[in-house]
Amino acid sequence: GRGMVVRVAESLQLPLRERNALLLSAGY
């Protein structure tokens, strides 16, 4: 889910730009 993608991105300490890219890769 979208919330899980955000949690995973935060846990990986990704920069905001890369968090957006991860969301896009999941279809969000």
mmCIF file of all heavy atoms, coordinates in Angstrom:
data_MODEL
# 
_entry.id   MODEL 
# 
loop_
_atom_site.group_PDB 
_atom_site.id 
_atom_site.type_symbol 
_atom_site.label_atom_id 
_atom_site.label_alt_id 
_atom_site.label_comp_id 
_atom_site.label_asym_id 
_atom_site.label_entity_id 
_atom_site.label_seq_id 
_atom_site.pdbx_PDB_ins_code 
_atom_site.Cartn_x 
_atom_site.Cartn_y 
_atom_site.Cartn_z 
_atom_site.occupancy 
_atom_site.B_iso_or_equiv 
_atom_site.pdbx_formal_charge 
_atom_site.auth_seq_id 
_atom_site.auth_comp_id 
_atom_site.auth_asym_id 
_atom_site.auth_atom_id 
_atom_site.pdbx_PDB_model_num 
ATOM 1   N N   . GLY A 1 1  ? 0.837  -1.193 0.000   1.00 0.00 ? 1  GLY A N   1 
ATOM 2   C CA  . GLY A 1 1  ? 0.000  0.000  0.000   1.00 0.00 ? 1  GLY A CA  1 
ATOM 3   C C   . GLY A 1 1  ? 0.874  1.245  0.000   1.00 0.00 ? 1  GLY A C   1 
ATOM 4   O O   . GLY A 1 1  ? 2.083  1.180  0.265   1.00 0.00 ? 1  GLY A O   1 
ATOM 5   N N   . ARG A 1 2  ? 0.260  2.367  -0.269  1.00 0.00 ? 2  ARG A N   1 
ATOM 6   C CA  . ARG A 1 2  ? 1.011  3.629  -0.316  1.00 0.00 ? 2  ARG A CA  1 
ATOM 7   C C   . ARG A 1 2  ? 1.728  3.903  1.012   1.00 0.00 ? 2  ARG A C   1 
ATOM 8   O O   . ARG A 1 2  ? 2.889  4.301  1.034   1.00 0.00 ? 2  ARG A O   1 
ATOM 9   C CB  . ARG A 1 2  ? 0.056  4.771  -0.647  1.00 0.00 ? 2  ARG A CB  1 
ATOM 10  C CG  . ARG A 1 2  ? 0.734  6.132  -0.799  1.00 0.00 ? 2  ARG A CG  1 
ATOM 11  C CD  . ARG A 1 2  ? -0.296 7.252  -0.955  1.00 0.00 ? 2  ARG A CD  1 
ATOM 12  N NE  . ARG A 1 2  ? 0.369  8.496  -1.246  1.00 0.00 ? 2  ARG A NE  1 
ATOM 13  C CZ  . ARG A 1 2  ? 0.652  8.919  -2.470  1.00 0.00 ? 2  ARG A CZ  1 
ATOM 14  N NH1 . ARG A 1 2  ? 0.330  8.174  -3.510  1.00 0.00 ? 2  ARG A NH1 1 
ATOM 15  N NH2 . ARG A 1 2  ? 1.271  10.061 -2.663  1.00 0.00 ? 2  ARG A NH2 1 
ATOM 16  N N   . GLY A 1 3  ? 1.028  3.663  2.131   1.00 0.00 ? 3  GLY A N   1 
ATOM 17  C CA  . GLY A 1 3  ? 1.623  3.906  3.439   1.00 0.00 ? 3  GLY A CA  1 
ATOM 18  C C   . GLY A 1 3  ? 2.850  3.049  3.678   1.00 0.00 ? 3  GLY A C   1 
ATOM 19  O O   . GLY A 1 3  ? 3.839  3.504  4.267   1.00 0.00 ? 3  GLY A O   1 
ATOM 20  N N   . MET A 1 4  ? 2.814  1.793  3.227   1.00 0.00 ? 4  MET A N   1 
ATOM 21  C CA  . MET A 1 4  ? 3.960  0.910  3.396   1.00 0.00 ? 4  MET A CA  1 
ATOM 22  C C   . MET A 1 4  ? 5.146  1.397  2.570   1.00 0.00 ? 4  MET A C   1 
ATOM 23  O O   . MET A 1 4  ? 6.292  1.362  3.029   1.00 0.00 ? 4  MET A O   1 
ATOM 24  C CB  . MET A 1 4  ? 3.584  -0.517 3.003   1.00 0.00 ? 4  MET A CB  1 
ATOM 25  C CG  . MET A 1 4  ? 4.749  -1.509 3.043   1.00 0.00 ? 4  MET A CG  1 
ATOM 26  S SD  . MET A 1 4  ? 5.582  -1.563 4.668   1.00 0.00 ? 4  MET A SD  1 
ATOM 27  C CE  . MET A 1 4  ? 4.293  -2.325 5.675   1.00 0.00 ? 4  MET A CE  1 
ATOM 28  N N   . VAL A 1 5  ? 4.889  1.873  1.365   1.00 0.00 ? 5  VAL A N   1 
ATOM 29  C CA  . VAL A 1 5  ? 5.982  2.382  0.523   1.00 0.00 ? 5  VAL A CA  1 
ATOM 30  C C   . VAL A 1 5  ? 6.648  3.581  1.204   1.00 0.00 ? 5  VAL A C   1 
ATOM 31  O O   . VAL A 1 5  ? 7.876  3.681  1.252   1.00 0.00 ? 5  VAL A O   1 
ATOM 32  C CB  . VAL A 1 5  ? 5.469  2.791  -0.877  1.00 0.00 ? 5  VAL A CB  1 
ATOM 33  C CG1 . VAL A 1 5  ? 6.607  3.401  -1.706  1.00 0.00 ? 5  VAL A CG1 1 
ATOM 34  C CG2 . VAL A 1 5  ? 4.885  1.585  -1.604  1.00 0.00 ? 5  VAL A CG2 1 
ATOM 35  N N   . VAL A 1 6  ? 5.827  4.464  1.775   1.00 0.00 ? 6  VAL A N   1 
ATOM 36  C CA  . VAL A 1 6  ? 6.376  5.638  2.465   1.00 0.00 ? 6  VAL A CA  1 
ATOM 37  C C   . VAL A 1 6  ? 7.189  5.201  3.684   1.00 0.00 ? 6  VAL A C   1 
ATOM 38  O O   . VAL A 1 6  ? 8.283  5.713  3.935   1.00 0.00 ? 6  VAL A O   1 
ATOM 39  C CB  . VAL A 1 6  ? 5.241  6.598  2.893   1.00 0.00 ? 6  VAL A CB  1 
ATOM 40  C CG1 . VAL A 1 6  ? 5.789  7.714  3.787   1.00 0.00 ? 6  VAL A CG1 1 
ATOM 41  C CG2 . VAL A 1 6  ? 4.579  7.207  1.662   1.00 0.00 ? 6  VAL A CG2 1 
ATOM 42  N N   . ARG A 1 7  ? 6.671  4.226  4.451   1.00 0.00 ? 7  ARG A N   1 
ATOM 43  C CA  . ARG A 1 7  ? 7.387  3.744  5.642   1.00 0.00 ? 7  ARG A CA  1 
ATOM 44  C C   . ARG A 1 7  ? 8.717  3.111  5.258   1.00 0.00 ? 7  ARG A C   1 
ATOM 45  O O   . ARG A 1 7  ? 9.743  3.321  5.920   1.00 0.00 ? 7  ARG A O   1 
ATOM 46  C CB  . ARG A 1 7  ? 6.536  2.734  6.407   1.00 0.00 ? 7  ARG A CB  1 
ATOM 47  C CG  . ARG A 1 7  ? 5.329  3.320  7.089   1.00 0.00 ? 7  ARG A CG  1 
ATOM 48  C CD  . ARG A 1 7  ? 5.011  2.655  8.419   1.00 0.00 ? 7  ARG A CD  1 
ATOM 49  N NE  . ARG A 1 7  ? 4.997  1.206  8.370   1.00 0.00 ? 7  ARG A NE  1 
ATOM 50  C CZ  . ARG A 1 7  ? 3.925  0.458  8.081   1.00 0.00 ? 7  ARG A CZ  1 
ATOM 51  N NH1 . ARG A 1 7  ? 2.783  1.046  7.757   1.00 0.00 ? 7  ARG A NH1 1 
ATOM 52  N NH2 . ARG A 1 7  ? 3.990  -0.850 8.107   1.00 0.00 ? 7  ARG A NH2 1 
ATOM 53  N N   . VAL A 1 8  ? 8.705  2.326  4.198   1.00 0.00 ? 8  VAL A N   1 
ATOM 54  C CA  . VAL A 1 8  ? 9.940  1.679  3.749   1.00 0.00 ? 8  VAL A CA  1 
ATOM 55  C C   . VAL A 1 8  ? 10.948 2.728  3.294   1.00 0.00 ? 8  VAL A C   1 
ATOM 56  O O   . VAL A 1 8  ? 12.143 2.647  3.621   1.00 0.00 ? 8  VAL A O   1 
ATOM 57  C CB  . VAL A 1 8  ? 9.638  0.685  2.601   1.00 0.00 ? 8  VAL A CB  1 
ATOM 58  C CG1 . VAL A 1 8  ? 10.920 0.266  1.911   1.00 0.00 ? 8  VAL A CG1 1 
ATOM 59  C CG2 . VAL A 1 8  ? 8.927  -0.546 3.154   1.00 0.00 ? 8  VAL A CG2 1 
ATOM 60  N N   . ALA A 1 9  ? 10.484 3.738  2.550   1.00 0.00 ? 9  ALA A N   1 
ATOM 61  C CA  . ALA A 1 9  ? 11.374 4.792  2.070   1.00 0.00 ? 9  ALA A CA  1 
ATOM 62  C C   . ALA A 1 9  ? 11.997 5.554  3.237   1.00 0.00 ? 9  ALA A C   1 
ATOM 63  O O   . ALA A 1 9  ? 13.191 5.876  3.224   1.00 0.00 ? 9  ALA A O   1 
ATOM 64  C CB  . ALA A 1 9  ? 10.612 5.752  1.156   1.00 0.00 ? 9  ALA A CB  1 
ATOM 65  N N   . GLU A 1 10 ? 11.181 5.834  4.253   1.00 0.00 ? 10 GLU A N   1 
ATOM 66  C CA  . GLU A 1 10 ? 11.700 6.518  5.449   1.00 0.00 ? 10 GLU A CA  1 
ATOM 67  C C   . GLU A 1 10 ? 12.703 5.638  6.183   1.00 0.00 ? 10 GLU A C   1 
ATOM 68  O O   . GLU A 1 10 ? 13.742 6.110  6.657   1.00 0.00 ? 10 GLU A O   1 
ATOM 69  C CB  . GLU A 1 10 ? 10.550 6.888  6.376   1.00 0.00 ? 10 GLU A CB  1 
ATOM 70  C CG  . GLU A 1 10 ? 9.646  7.985  5.830   1.00 0.00 ? 10 GLU A CG  1 
ATOM 71  C CD  . GLU A 1 10 ? 8.449  8.240  6.716   1.00 0.00 ? 10 GLU A CD  1 
ATOM 72  O OE1 . GLU A 1 10 ? 8.176  7.397  7.612   1.00 0.00 ? 10 GLU A OE1 1 
ATOM 73  O OE2 . GLU A 1 10 ? 7.776  9.270  6.525   1.00 0.00 ? 10 GLU A OE2 1 
ATOM 74  N N   . SER A 1 11 ? 12.401 4.351  6.276   1.00 0.00 ? 11 SER A N   1 
ATOM 75  C CA  . SER A 1 11 ? 13.289 3.415  6.970   1.00 0.00 ? 11 SER A CA  1 
ATOM 76  C C   . SER A 1 11 ? 14.634 3.287  6.260   1.00 0.00 ? 11 SER A C   1 
ATOM 77  O O   . SER A 1 11 ? 15.664 3.057  6.896   1.00 0.00 ? 11 SER A O   1 
ATOM 78  C CB  . SER A 1 11 ? 12.625 2.037  7.085   1.00 0.00 ? 11 SER A CB  1 
ATOM 79  O OG  . SER A 1 11 ? 11.416 2.112  7.800   1.00 0.00 ? 11 SER A OG  1 
ATOM 80  N N   . LEU A 1 12 ? 14.617 3.433  4.944   1.00 0.00 ? 12 LEU A N   1 
ATOM 81  C CA  . LEU A 1 12 ? 15.860 3.381  4.156   1.00 0.00 ? 12 LEU A CA  1 
ATOM 82  C C   . LEU A 1 12 ? 16.580 4.717  4.144   1.00 0.00 ? 12 LEU A C   1 
ATOM 83  O O   . LEU A 1 12 ? 17.665 4.836  3.582   1.00 0.00 ? 12 LEU A O   1 
ATOM 84  C CB  . LEU A 1 12 ? 15.536 2.962  2.719   1.00 0.00 ? 12 LEU A CB  1 
ATOM 85  C CG  . LEU A 1 12 ? 15.098 1.510  2.519   1.00 0.00 ? 12 LEU A CG  1 
ATOM 86  C CD1 . LEU A 1 12 ? 14.524 1.314  1.117   1.00 0.00 ? 12 LEU A CD1 1 
ATOM 87  C CD2 . LEU A 1 12 ? 16.282 0.563  2.743   1.00 0.00 ? 12 LEU A CD2 1 
ATOM 88  N N   . GLN A 1 13 ? 15.960 5.740  4.768   1.00 0.00 ? 13 GLN A N   1 
ATOM 89  C CA  . GLN A 1 13 ? 16.524 7.089  4.836   1.00 0.00 ? 13 GLN A CA  1 
ATOM 90  C C   . GLN A 1 13 ? 16.819 7.635  3.431   1.00 0.00 ? 13 GLN A C   1 
ATOM 91  O O   . GLN A 1 13 ? 17.868 8.228  3.184   1.00 0.00 ? 13 GLN A O   1 
ATOM 92  C CB  . GLN A 1 13 ? 17.789 7.109  5.702   1.00 0.00 ? 13 GLN A CB  1 
ATOM 93  C CG  . GLN A 1 13 ? 17.538 6.712  7.151   1.00 0.00 ? 13 GLN A CG  1 
ATOM 94  C CD  . GLN A 1 13 ? 18.785 6.779  8.007   1.00 0.00 ? 13 GLN A CD  1 
ATOM 95  O OE1 . GLN A 1 13 ? 19.887 6.501  7.551   1.00 0.00 ? 13 GLN A OE1 1 
ATOM 96  N NE2 . GLN A 1 13 ? 18.616 7.151  9.262   1.00 0.00 ? 13 GLN A NE2 1 
ATOM 97  N N   . LEU A 1 14 ? 15.857 7.457  2.545   1.00 0.00 ? 14 LEU A N   1 
ATOM 98  C CA  . LEU A 1 14 ? 16.028 7.943  1.186   1.00 0.00 ? 14 LEU A CA  1 
ATOM 99  C C   . LEU A 1 14 ? 15.812 9.455  1.131   1.00 0.00 ? 14 LEU A C   1 
ATOM 100 O O   . LEU A 1 14 ? 14.945 9.990  1.843   1.00 0.00 ? 14 LEU A O   1 
ATOM 101 C CB  . LEU A 1 14 ? 15.029 7.272  0.242   1.00 0.00 ? 14 LEU A CB  1 
ATOM 102 C CG  . LEU A 1 14 ? 15.091 5.747  0.106   1.00 0.00 ? 14 LEU A CG  1 
ATOM 103 C CD1 . LEU A 1 14 ? 14.154 5.296  -1.012  1.00 0.00 ? 14 LEU A CD1 1 
ATOM 104 C CD2 . LEU A 1 14 ? 16.505 5.277  -0.172  1.00 0.00 ? 14 LEU A CD2 1 
ATOM 105 N N   . PRO A 1 15 ? 16.551 10.166 0.279   1.00 0.00 ? 15 PRO A N   1 
ATOM 106 C CA  . PRO A 1 15 ? 16.247 11.576 0.025   1.00 0.00 ? 15 PRO A CA  1 
ATOM 107 C C   . PRO A 1 15 ? 14.832 11.689 -0.527  1.00 0.00 ? 15 PRO A C   1 
ATOM 108 O O   . PRO A 1 15 ? 14.293 10.742 -1.112  1.00 0.00 ? 15 PRO A O   1 
ATOM 109 C CB  . PRO A 1 15 ? 17.298 11.976 -1.026  1.00 0.00 ? 15 PRO A CB  1 
ATOM 110 C CG  . PRO A 1 15 ? 18.392 10.971 -0.876  1.00 0.00 ? 15 PRO A CG  1 
ATOM 111 C CD  . PRO A 1 15 ? 17.723 9.688  -0.470  1.00 0.00 ? 15 PRO A CD  1 
ATOM 112 N N   . LEU A 1 16 ? 14.224 12.861 -0.374  1.00 0.00 ? 16 LEU A N   1 
ATOM 113 C CA  . LEU A 1 16 ? 12.838 13.031 -0.805  1.00 0.00 ? 16 LEU A CA  1 
ATOM 114 C C   . LEU A 1 16 ? 12.650 12.724 -2.288  1.00 0.00 ? 16 LEU A C   1 
ATOM 115 O O   . LEU A 1 16 ? 11.647 12.133 -2.685  1.00 0.00 ? 16 LEU A O   1 
ATOM 116 C CB  . LEU A 1 16 ? 12.363 14.459 -0.511  1.00 0.00 ? 16 LEU A CB  1 
ATOM 117 C CG  . LEU A 1 16 ? 12.345 14.898 0.956   1.00 0.00 ? 16 LEU A CG  1 
ATOM 118 C CD1 . LEU A 1 16 ? 11.632 16.235 1.091   1.00 0.00 ? 16 LEU A CD1 1 
ATOM 119 C CD2 . LEU A 1 16 ? 11.686 13.855 1.850   1.00 0.00 ? 16 LEU A CD2 1 
ATOM 120 N N   . ARG A 1 17 ? 13.613 13.113 -3.104  1.00 0.00 ? 17 ARG A N   1 
ATOM 121 C CA  . ARG A 1 17 ? 13.519 12.841 -4.541  1.00 0.00 ? 17 ARG A CA  1 
ATOM 122 C C   . ARG A 1 17 ? 13.434 11.336 -4.800  1.00 0.00 ? 17 ARG A C   1 
ATOM 123 O O   . ARG A 1 17 ? 12.657 10.875 -5.640  1.00 0.00 ? 17 ARG A O   1 
ATOM 124 C CB  . ARG A 1 17 ? 14.731 13.436 -5.264  1.00 0.00 ? 17 ARG A CB  1 
ATOM 125 C CG  . ARG A 1 17 ? 14.704 13.261 -6.787  1.00 0.00 ? 17 ARG A CG  1 
ATOM 126 C CD  . ARG A 1 17 ? 15.949 13.884 -7.400  1.00 0.00 ? 17 ARG A CD  1 
ATOM 127 N NE  . ARG A 1 17 ? 16.011 15.302 -7.148  1.00 0.00 ? 17 ARG A NE  1 
ATOM 128 C CZ  . ARG A 1 17 ? 15.372 16.210 -7.878  1.00 0.00 ? 17 ARG A CZ  1 
ATOM 129 N NH1 . ARG A 1 17 ? 14.629 15.835 -8.900  1.00 0.00 ? 17 ARG A NH1 1 
ATOM 130 N NH2 . ARG A 1 17 ? 15.498 17.506 -7.598  1.00 0.00 ? 17 ARG A NH2 1 
ATOM 131 N N   . GLU A 1 18 ? 14.234 10.560 -4.070  1.00 0.00 ? 18 GLU A N   1 
ATOM 132 C CA  . GLU A 1 18 ? 14.242 9.112  -4.264  1.00 0.00 ? 18 GLU A CA  1 
ATOM 133 C C   . GLU A 1 18 ? 12.988 8.457  -3.672  1.00 0.00 ? 18 GLU A C   1 
ATOM 134 O O   . GLU A 1 18 ? 12.540 7.419  -4.141  1.00 0.00 ? 18 GLU A O   1 
ATOM 135 C CB  . GLU A 1 18 ? 15.502 8.502  -3.646  1.00 0.00 ? 18 GLU A CB  1 
ATOM 136 C CG  . GLU A 1 18 ? 16.803 9.213  -4.008  1.00 0.00 ? 18 GLU A CG  1 
ATOM 137 C CD  . GLU A 1 18 ? 16.953 9.434  -5.503  1.00 0.00 ? 18 GLU A CD  1 
ATOM 138 O OE1 . GLU A 1 18 ? 16.504 8.584  -6.283  1.00 0.00 ? 18 GLU A OE1 1 
ATOM 139 O OE2 . GLU A 1 18 ? 17.518 10.470 -5.895  1.00 0.00 ? 18 GLU A OE2 1 
ATOM 140 N N   . ARG A 1 19 ? 12.410 9.081  -2.641  1.00 0.00 ? 19 ARG A N   1 
ATOM 141 C CA  . ARG A 1 19 ? 11.148 8.562  -2.092  1.00 0.00 ? 19 ARG A CA  1 
ATOM 142 C C   . ARG A 1 19 ? 10.039 8.696  -3.131  1.00 0.00 ? 19 ARG A C   1 
ATOM 143 O O   . ARG A 1 19 ? 9.212  7.795  -3.299  1.00 0.00 ? 19 ARG A O   1 
ATOM 144 C CB  . ARG A 1 19 ? 10.775 9.314  -0.811  1.00 0.00 ? 19 ARG A CB  1 
ATOM 145 C CG  . ARG A 1 19 ? 11.776 9.109  0.318   1.00 0.00 ? 19 ARG A CG  1 
ATOM 146 C CD  . ARG A 1 19 ? 11.318 9.782  1.607   1.00 0.00 ? 19 ARG A CD  1 
ATOM 147 N NE  . ARG A 1 19 ? 12.410 9.810  2.570   1.00 0.00 ? 19 ARG A NE  1 
ATOM 148 C CZ  . ARG A 1 19 ? 12.289 10.192 3.846   1.00 0.00 ? 19 ARG A CZ  1 
ATOM 149 N NH1 . ARG A 1 19 ? 11.100 10.568 4.298   1.00 0.00 ? 19 ARG A NH1 1 
ATOM 150 N NH2 . ARG A 1 19 ? 13.332 10.200 4.653   1.00 0.00 ? 19 ARG A NH2 1 
ATOM 151 N N   . ASN A 1 20 ? 10.027 9.839  -3.819  1.00 0.00 ? 20 ASN A N   1 
ATOM 152 C CA  . ASN A 1 20 ? 9.045  10.021 -4.886  1.00 0.00 ? 20 ASN A CA  1 
ATOM 153 C C   . ASN A 1 20 ? 9.218  8.971  -5.984  1.00 0.00 ? 20 ASN A C   1 
ATOM 154 O O   . ASN A 1 20 ? 8.239  8.425  -6.508  1.00 0.00 ? 20 ASN A O   1 
ATOM 155 C CB  . ASN A 1 20 ? 9.179  11.417 -5.494  1.00 0.00 ? 20 ASN A CB  1 
ATOM 156 C CG  . ASN A 1 20 ? 8.450  12.476 -4.688  1.00 0.00 ? 20 ASN A CG  1 
ATOM 157 O OD1 . ASN A 1 20 ? 7.612  12.168 -3.844  1.00 0.00 ? 20 ASN A OD1 1 
ATOM 158 N ND2 . ASN A 1 20 ? 8.764  13.733 -4.939  1.00 0.00 ? 20 ASN A ND2 1 
ATOM 159 N N   . ALA A 1 21 ? 10.474 8.698  -6.335  1.00 0.00 ? 21 ALA A N   1 
ATOM 160 C CA  . ALA A 1 21 ? 10.744 7.712  -7.383  1.00 0.00 ? 21 ALA A CA  1 
ATOM 161 C C   . ALA A 1 21 ? 10.274 6.318  -6.953  1.00 0.00 ? 21 ALA A C   1 
ATOM 162 O O   . ALA A 1 21 ? 9.747  5.553  -7.763  1.00 0.00 ? 21 ALA A O   1 
ATOM 163 C CB  . ALA A 1 21 ? 12.242 7.685  -7.707  1.00 0.00 ? 21 ALA A CB  1 
ATOM 164 N N   . LEU A 1 22 ? 10.458 5.995  -5.669  1.00 0.00 ? 22 LEU A N   1 
ATOM 165 C CA  . LEU A 1 22 ? 10.024 4.692  -5.175  1.00 0.00 ? 22 LEU A CA  1 
ATOM 166 C C   . LEU A 1 22 ? 8.495  4.592  -5.215  1.00 0.00 ? 22 LEU A C   1 
ATOM 167 O O   . LEU A 1 22 ? 7.946  3.535  -5.566  1.00 0.00 ? 22 LEU A O   1 
ATOM 168 C CB  . LEU A 1 22 ? 10.541 4.472  -3.751  1.00 0.00 ? 22 LEU A CB  1 
ATOM 169 C CG  . LEU A 1 22 ? 10.498 3.026  -3.229  1.00 0.00 ? 22 LEU A CG  1 
ATOM 170 C CD1 . LEU A 1 22 ? 11.394 2.124  -4.064  1.00 0.00 ? 22 LEU A CD1 1 
ATOM 171 C CD2 . LEU A 1 22 ? 10.921 2.965  -1.763  1.00 0.00 ? 22 LEU A CD2 1 
ATOM 172 N N   . LEU A 1 23 ? 7.817  5.673  -4.870  1.00 0.00 ? 23 LEU A N   1 
ATOM 173 C CA  . LEU A 1 23 ? 6.360  5.691  -4.948  1.00 0.00 ? 23 LEU A CA  1 
ATOM 174 C C   . LEU A 1 23 ? 5.890  5.480  -6.390  1.00 0.00 ? 23 LEU A C   1 
ATOM 175 O O   . LEU A 1 23 ? 4.959  4.718  -6.649  1.00 0.00 ? 23 LEU A O   1 
ATOM 176 C CB  . LEU A 1 23 ? 5.821  7.024  -4.414  1.00 0.00 ? 23 LEU A CB  1 
ATOM 177 C CG  . LEU A 1 23 ? 5.758  7.155  -2.883  1.00 0.00 ? 23 LEU A CG  1 
ATOM 178 C CD1 . LEU A 1 23 ? 5.643  8.614  -2.483  1.00 0.00 ? 23 LEU A CD1 1 
ATOM 179 C CD2 . LEU A 1 23 ? 4.574  6.368  -2.329  1.00 0.00 ? 23 LEU A CD2 1 
ATOM 180 N N   . LEU A 1 24 ? 6.539  6.144  -7.328  1.00 0.00 ? 24 LEU A N   1 
ATOM 181 C CA  . LEU A 1 24 ? 6.173  5.996  -8.736  1.00 0.00 ? 24 LEU A CA  1 
ATOM 182 C C   . LEU A 1 24 ? 6.369  4.557  -9.210  1.00 0.00 ? 24 LEU A C   1 
ATOM 183 O O   . LEU A 1 24 ? 5.550  4.020  -9.963  1.00 0.00 ? 24 LEU A O   1 
ATOM 184 C CB  . LEU A 1 24 ? 7.011  6.947  -9.597  1.00 0.00 ? 24 LEU A CB  1 
ATOM 185 C CG  . LEU A 1 24 ? 6.579  8.420  -9.587  1.00 0.00 ? 24 LEU A CG  1 
ATOM 186 C CD1 . LEU A 1 24 ? 7.638  9.280  -10.278 1.00 0.00 ? 24 LEU A CD1 1 
ATOM 187 C CD2 . LEU A 1 24 ? 5.232  8.592  -10.267 1.00 0.00 ? 24 LEU A CD2 1 
ATOM 188 N N   . SER A 1 25 ? 7.460  3.928  -8.746  1.00 0.00 ? 25 SER A N   1 
ATOM 189 C CA  . SER A 1 25 ? 7.727  2.555  -9.170  1.00 0.00 ? 25 SER A CA  1 
ATOM 190 C C   . SER A 1 25 ? 6.661  1.588  -8.655  1.00 0.00 ? 25 SER A C   1 
ATOM 191 O O   . SER A 1 25 ? 6.447  0.520  -9.224  1.00 0.00 ? 25 SER A O   1 
ATOM 192 C CB  . SER A 1 25 ? 9.115  2.102  -8.677  1.00 0.00 ? 25 SER A CB  1 
ATOM 193 O OG  . SER A 1 25 ? 9.131  1.888  -7.268  1.00 0.00 ? 25 SER A OG  1 
ATOM 194 N N   . ALA A 1 26 ? 5.976  1.994  -7.560  1.00 0.00 ? 26 ALA A N   1 
ATOM 195 C CA  . ALA A 1 26 ? 4.916  1.153  -6.993  1.00 0.00 ? 26 ALA A CA  1 
ATOM 196 C C   . ALA A 1 26 ? 3.547  1.526  -7.557  1.00 0.00 ? 26 ALA A C   1 
ATOM 197 O O   . ALA A 1 26 ? 2.533  0.943  -7.164  1.00 0.00 ? 26 ALA A O   1 
ATOM 198 C CB  . ALA A 1 26 ? 4.901  1.280  -5.477  1.00 0.00 ? 26 ALA A CB  1 
ATOM 199 N N   . GLY A 1 27 ? 3.516  2.522  -8.458  1.00 0.00 ? 27 GLY A N   1 
ATOM 200 C CA  . GLY A 1 27 ? 2.261  2.916  -9.084  1.00 0.00 ? 27 GLY A CA  1 
ATOM 201 C C   . GLY A 1 27 ? 1.521  4.023  -8.375  1.00 0.00 ? 27 GLY A C   1 
ATOM 202 O O   . GLY A 1 27 ? 0.333  4.258  -8.654  1.00 0.00 ? 27 GLY A O   1 
ATOM 203 N N   . TYR A 1 28 ? 2.201  4.747  -7.458  1.00 0.00 ? 28 TYR A N   1 
ATOM 204 C CA  . TYR A 1 28 ? 1.560  5.835  -6.720  1.00 0.00 ? 28 TYR A CA  1 
ATOM 205 C C   . TYR A 1 28 ? 2.134  7.183  -7.140  1.00 0.00 ? 28 TYR A C   1 
ATOM 206 O O   . TYR A 1 28 ? 3.300  7.286  -7.535  1.00 0.00 ? 28 TYR A O   1 
ATOM 207 C CB  . TYR A 1 28 ? 1.748  5.653  -5.214  1.00 0.00 ? 28 TYR A CB  1 
ATOM 208 C CG  . TYR A 1 28 ? 1.150  4.377  -4.688  1.00 0.00 ? 28 TYR A CG  1 
ATOM 209 C CD1 . TYR A 1 28 ? 1.971  3.325  -4.277  1.00 0.00 ? 28 TYR A CD1 1 
ATOM 210 C CD2 . TYR A 1 28 ? -0.228 4.221  -4.591  1.00 0.00 ? 28 TYR A CD2 1 
ATOM 211 C CE1 . TYR A 1 28 ? 1.423  2.144  -3.794  1.00 0.00 ? 28 TYR A CE1 1 
ATOM 212 C CE2 . TYR A 1 28 ? -0.781 3.036  -4.112  1.00 0.00 ? 28 TYR A CE2 1 
ATOM 213 C CZ  . TYR A 1 28 ? 0.048  2.011  -3.722  1.00 0.00 ? 28 TYR A CZ  1 
ATOM 214 O OH  . TYR A 1 28 ? -0.490 0.838  -3.249  1.00 0.00 ? 28 TYR A OH  1 
# 
